[in-house]
């Protein structure tokens, strides 16, 4: 499968209004290979477009093209934080910890980790406690 590239989808740059969020993951070589492939949406219900460019995973909303997350990944597959869109006209989440859970969920889905259901349940519960 060819790797997704920025030109495969209409995307917008990360806005100036952004902030760091916590995320810590260590990927195996196989997982890193899957992450670098990215993800091109195939149907309307598919809400995310992912592409990897110059050591950064870009996570964009498929319908709007808004860049929501930028996640740097070291050459050995280590993820230590990311940047999240904070333009309220583009993205409504305001809790960086909740963003970390969602970003981990999206990365985990892309690299086919089995615990993705647990992460999305944590994301939902976290939102209800705020």
Protein backbone atom coordinates (compact mmCIF):
# COMPACT_ATOMS: atom_id res chain seq x y z
CA UNK A 1 0.00 0.00 0.00
CA UNK A 2 1.47 3.40 -0.94
CA UNK A 3 2.05 5.96 1.79
CA UNK A 4 -0.47 8.78 2.17
CA UNK A 5 0.95 12.21 1.37
CA UNK A 6 -0.21 15.75 2.05
CA UNK A 7 -1.33 16.07 -1.59
CA UNK A 8 -3.74 13.11 -1.26
CA UNK A 9 -6.29 15.26 0.57
CA UNK A 10 -7.30 18.90 0.90
CA UNK A 11 -5.70 20.01 4.16
CA UNK A 12 -5.13 23.23 6.03
CA UNK A 13 -2.06 24.16 8.06
CA UNK A 14 -2.05 24.04 11.86
CA UNK A 15 -3.31 27.48 13.00
CA UNK A 16 -1.15 29.83 15.05
CA UNK A 17 -3.51 29.22 17.94
CA UNK A 18 -2.24 25.84 19.19
CA UNK A 19 -0.67 24.28 22.27
CA UNK A 20 1.33 21.22 23.31
CA UNK A 21 -0.41 18.16 24.71
CA UNK A 22 0.92 15.11 26.55
CA UNK A 23 1.45 11.85 24.71
CA UNK A 24 3.99 9.12 25.32
CA UNK A 25 4.22 6.05 23.14
CA UNK A 26 6.98 3.71 22.01
CA UNK A 27 6.34 2.06 18.67
CA UNK A 28 7.86 -1.16 17.41
CA UNK A 29 9.53 -1.11 13.99
CA UNK A 30 6.42 -2.75 12.50
CA UNK A 31 4.09 -0.22 14.12
CA UNK A 32 6.26 2.67 12.94
CA UNK A 33 6.05 1.30 9.41
CA UNK A 34 2.23 1.21 9.64
CA UNK A 35 2.17 4.75 11.05
CA UNK A 36 4.29 6.08 8.17
CA UNK A 37 1.74 4.67 5.69
CA UNK A 38 -0.85 7.15 6.96
CA UNK A 39 -4.55 6.83 6.31
CA UNK A 40 -6.70 8.06 3.43
CA UNK A 41 -10.44 8.06 4.23
CA UNK A 42 -12.45 5.68 2.08
CA UNK A 43 -16.01 6.58 3.12
CA UNK A 44 -18.03 9.44 4.57
CA UNK A 45 -17.97 8.02 8.12
CA UNK A 46 -14.17 7.98 8.10
CA UNK A 47 -13.37 11.20 9.97
CA UNK A 48 -9.56 11.34 9.84
CA UNK A 49 -6.81 11.76 7.25
CA UNK A 50 -3.30 10.92 8.47
CA UNK A 51 -0.02 11.47 6.70
CA UNK A 52 3.60 11.33 7.80
CA UNK A 53 6.05 13.98 6.64
CA UNK A 54 9.58 14.84 7.82
CA UNK A 55 9.25 13.01 11.13
CA UNK A 56 5.78 14.34 11.99
CA UNK A 57 2.41 12.59 11.89
CA UNK A 58 -0.27 15.03 10.75
CA UNK A 59 -3.82 14.20 11.82
CA UNK A 60 -6.49 16.14 9.93
CA UNK A 61 -10.28 16.08 9.92
CA UNK A 62 -11.39 14.50 6.67
CA UNK A 63 -14.43 16.71 6.03
CA UNK A 64 -12.78 20.08 6.70
CA UNK A 65 -9.09 19.39 6.18
CA UNK A 66 -8.31 21.15 9.48
CA UNK A 67 -5.04 19.95 11.01
CA UNK A 68 -5.94 18.88 14.55
CA UNK A 69 -2.75 17.16 15.74
CA UNK A 70 0.92 17.24 14.82
CA UNK A 71 2.80 14.41 16.47
CA UNK A 72 6.59 14.25 16.13
CA UNK A 73 7.99 10.72 16.01
CA UNK A 74 11.69 10.04 16.49
CA UNK A 75 13.46 7.71 14.02
CA UNK A 76 13.36 4.96 16.66
CA UNK A 77 9.56 5.24 17.04
CA UNK A 78 9.32 7.29 20.23
CA UNK A 79 6.49 9.78 20.64
CA UNK A 80 6.88 12.38 23.36
CA UNK A 81 4.04 14.87 23.10
CA UNK A 82 2.45 16.74 20.25
CA UNK A 83 0.75 19.95 19.21
CA UNK A 84 -3.02 20.42 19.10
CA UNK A 85 -5.19 22.93 17.23
CA UNK A 86 -6.81 25.43 19.61
CA UNK A 87 -8.71 27.56 17.09
CA UNK A 88 -12.28 27.30 18.46
CA UNK A 89 -13.68 27.73 14.94
CA UNK A 90 -11.81 24.60 13.84
CA UNK A 91 -11.74 22.37 16.92
CA UNK A 92 -13.77 22.45 20.11
CA UNK A 93 -11.75 20.36 22.57
CA UNK A 94 -9.90 22.39 25.21
CA UNK A 95 -8.42 19.74 27.54
CA UNK A 96 -4.85 18.76 26.58
CA UNK A 97 -5.05 15.51 28.57
CA UNK A 98 -8.17 14.47 26.67
CA UNK A 99 -6.36 15.32 23.44
CA UNK A 100 -3.56 13.01 24.52
CA UNK A 101 -6.05 10.16 24.92
CA UNK A 102 -7.62 10.82 21.51
CA UNK A 103 -4.23 11.09 19.81
CA UNK A 104 -3.12 7.83 21.43
CA UNK A 105 -6.35 6.22 20.24
CA UNK A 106 -5.82 7.40 16.65
CA UNK A 107 -2.18 6.30 16.59
CA UNK A 108 -3.12 2.95 18.18
CA UNK A 109 -5.81 2.37 15.55
CA UNK A 110 -3.35 3.16 12.77
CA UNK A 111 -0.72 0.77 14.11
CA UNK A 112 -3.36 -1.89 14.85
CA UNK A 113 -2.90 -2.13 18.60
CA UNK A 114 -5.61 -4.21 20.30
CA UNK A 115 -6.50 -1.88 23.21
CA UNK A 116 -8.19 0.83 21.12
CA UNK A 117 -11.61 0.19 22.65
CA UNK A 118 -10.23 0.87 26.14
CA UNK A 119 -8.77 4.18 24.95
CA UNK A 120 -11.99 5.43 23.37
CA UNK A 121 -13.91 4.45 26.51
CA UNK A 122 -11.39 6.42 28.61
CA UNK A 123 -11.83 9.40 26.25
CA UNK A 124 -15.63 9.26 26.65
CA UNK A 125 -15.47 8.89 30.45
CA UNK A 126 -12.94 11.73 30.75
CA UNK A 127 -15.35 14.02 28.90
CA UNK A 128 -18.24 13.16 31.21
CA UNK A 129 -16.25 13.98 34.36
CA UNK A 130 -15.42 17.53 33.26
